Amino acid sequence: MSMATFLHYVVLFGAFAISWFLALFCLLPVGFGSPRDPETGAPLHPQLGRKALVASGIAVVLWLIFYGLIQFHIMDL
């Protein structure tokens, strides 16, 4: 595997990781109406698994768009 191919995969993985974390951090405040602990103010049921799953779906869609732009030579690495 050449260095250019390796860097191509690194960029694609980095794009997915960044979009996943961005989606997750955007989803974290969702659900402020849920019941909270009166002492700490923390949500009793934060539903982090569901938010991570939704963030994964959003990241896959964003990554596919990014990959499509590269494949159709609209954007160049």
C-alpha atoms as a PDB file:
ATOM      1  CA  MET A   1       0.000   0.000   0.000  1.00  0.00           C
ATOM      2  CA  SER A   2       1.422   3.369  -0.987  1.00  0.00           C
ATOM      3  CA  MET A   3       1.625   6.338   1.339  1.00  0.00           C
ATOM      4  CA  ALA A   4      -1.038   8.220  -0.655  1.00  0.00           C
ATOM      5  CA  THR A   5      -3.503   5.333  -0.266  1.00  0.00           C
ATOM      6  CA  PHE A   6      -2.789   5.123   3.445  1.00  0.00           C
ATOM      7  CA  LEU A   7      -3.372   8.863   3.878  1.00  0.00           C
ATOM      8  CA  HIS A   8      -6.601   8.572   1.884  1.00  0.00           C
ATOM      9  CA  TYR A   9      -7.922   6.057   4.415  1.00  0.00           C
ATOM     10  CA  VAL A  10      -6.721   8.185   7.337  1.00  0.00           C
ATOM     11  CA  VAL A  11      -8.609  11.199   5.981  1.00  0.00           C
ATOM     12  CA  LEU A  12     -11.760   9.142   5.444  1.00  0.00           C
ATOM     13  CA  PHE A  13     -11.591   7.736   8.977  1.00  0.00           C
ATOM     14  CA  GLY A  14     -10.912  11.199  10.395  1.00  0.00           C
ATOM     15  CA  ALA A  15     -13.903  12.634   8.536  1.00  0.00           C
ATOM     16  CA  PHE A  16     -16.153   9.933   9.993  1.00  0.00           C
ATOM     17  CA  ALA A  17     -14.805  10.410  13.533  1.00  0.00           C
ATOM     18  CA  ILE A  18     -15.214  14.192  13.398  1.00  0.00           C
ATOM     19  CA  SER A  19     -18.759  13.986  12.037  1.00  0.00           C
ATOM     20  CA  TRP A  20     -19.698  11.365  14.670  1.00  0.00           C
ATOM     21  CA  PHE A  21     -18.446  13.450  17.569  1.00  0.00           C
ATOM     22  CA  LEU A  22     -20.013  16.599  16.128  1.00  0.00           C
ATOM     23  CA  ALA A  23     -23.371  14.839  15.813  1.00  0.00           C
ATOM     24  CA  LEU A  24     -23.084  13.393  19.323  1.00  0.00           C
ATOM     25  CA  PHE A  25     -22.257  16.739  20.905  1.00  0.00           C
ATOM     26  CA  CYS A  26     -25.172  18.327  19.060  1.00  0.00           C
ATOM     27  CA  LEU A  27     -27.491  15.601  20.378  1.00  0.00           C
ATOM     28  CA  LEU A  28     -26.354  15.677  24.013  1.00  0.00           C
ATOM     29  CA  PRO A  29     -28.598  18.576  25.099  1.00  0.00           C
ATOM     30  CA  VAL A  30     -31.650  17.033  23.415  1.00  0.00           C
ATOM     31  CA  GLY A  31     -34.223  15.945  25.958  1.00  0.00           C
ATOM     32  CA  PHE A  32     -33.984  18.707  28.521  1.00  0.00           C
ATOM     33  CA  GLY A  33     -37.600  18.024  29.469  1.00  0.00           C
ATOM     34  CA  SER A  34     -36.696  14.653  30.964  1.00  0.00           C
ATOM     35  CA  PRO A  35     -36.844  14.146  34.743  1.00  0.00           C
ATOM     36  CA  ARG A  36     -33.826  15.410  36.665  1.00  0.00           C
ATOM     37  CA  ASP A  37     -32.157  14.596  39.938  1.00  0.00           C
ATOM     38  CA  PRO A  38     -33.183  17.374  42.358  1.00  0.00           C
ATOM     39  CA  GLU A  39     -29.764  17.524  44.029  1.00  0.00           C
ATOM     40  CA  THR A  40     -27.415  17.548  41.034  1.00  0.00           C
ATOM     41  CA  GLY A  41     -29.693  18.583  38.164  1.00  0.00           C
ATOM     42  CA  ALA A  42     -28.431  15.660  36.083  1.00  0.00           C
ATOM     43  CA  PRO A  43     -30.961  13.831  33.912  1.00  0.00           C
ATOM     44  CA  LEU A  44     -32.173  10.583  35.443  1.00  0.00           C
ATOM     45  CA  HIS A  45     -32.367   8.857  32.035  1.00  0.00           C
ATOM     46  CA  PRO A  46     -29.862  10.511  29.645  1.00  0.00           C
ATOM     47  CA  GLN A  47     -30.393   7.855  26.906  1.00  0.00           C
ATOM     48  CA  LEU A  48     -26.743   8.002  25.822  1.00  0.00           C
ATOM     49  CA  GLY A  49     -27.008   4.749  23.873  1.00  0.00           C
ATOM     50  CA  ARG A  50     -29.874   6.062  21.765  1.00  0.00           C
ATOM     51  CA  LYS A  51     -28.041   9.351  21.187  1.00  0.00           C
ATOM     52  CA  ALA A  52     -24.882   7.471  20.132  1.00  0.00           C
ATOM     53  CA  LEU A  53     -26.918   5.362  17.714  1.00  0.00           C
ATOM     54  CA  VAL A  54     -28.578   8.422  16.182  1.00  0.00           C
ATOM     55  CA  ALA A  55     -25.170  10.136  15.990  1.00  0.00           C
ATOM     56  CA  SER A  56     -23.853   7.085  14.128  1.00  0.00           C
ATOM     57  CA  GLY A  57     -26.654   7.322  11.596  1.00  0.00           C
ATOM     58  CA  ILE A  58     -26.060  11.028  11.053  1.00  0.00           C
ATOM     59  CA  ALA A  59     -22.299  10.450  10.740  1.00  0.00           C
ATOM     60  CA  VAL A  60     -22.810   7.715   8.141  1.00  0.00           C
ATOM     61  CA  VAL A  61     -24.979  10.014   6.016  1.00  0.00           C
ATOM     62  CA  LEU A  62     -22.470  12.881   6.280  1.00  0.00           C
ATOM     63  CA  TRP A  63     -19.577  10.530   5.505  1.00  0.00           C
ATOM     64  CA  LEU A  64     -21.338   9.128   2.436  1.00  0.00           C
ATOM     65  CA  ILE A  65     -21.873  12.674   1.157  1.00  0.00           C
ATOM     66  CA  PHE A  66     -18.194  13.462   1.804  1.00  0.00           C
ATOM     67  CA  TYR A  67     -17.085  10.258   0.067  1.00  0.00           C
ATOM     68  CA  GLY A  68     -19.401  10.923  -2.876  1.00  0.00           C
ATOM     69  CA  LEU A  69     -17.946  14.394  -3.333  1.00  0.00           C
ATOM     70  CA  ILE A  70     -14.474  12.868  -3.469  1.00  0.00           C
ATOM     71  CA  GLN A  71     -15.469  10.062  -5.862  1.00  0.00           C
ATOM     72  CA  PHE A  72     -17.168  12.439  -8.315  1.00  0.00           C
ATOM     73  CA  HIS A  73     -14.133  14.744  -8.211  1.00  0.00           C
ATOM     74  CA  ILE A  74     -16.160  17.656  -6.864  1.00  0.00           C
ATOM     75  CA  MET A  75     -13.779  17.862  -3.928  1.00  0.00           C
ATOM     76  CA  ASP A  76     -10.137  16.786  -3.948  1.00  0.00           C
ATOM     77  CA  LEU A  77      -8.079  15.502  -1.053  1.00  0.00           C
END
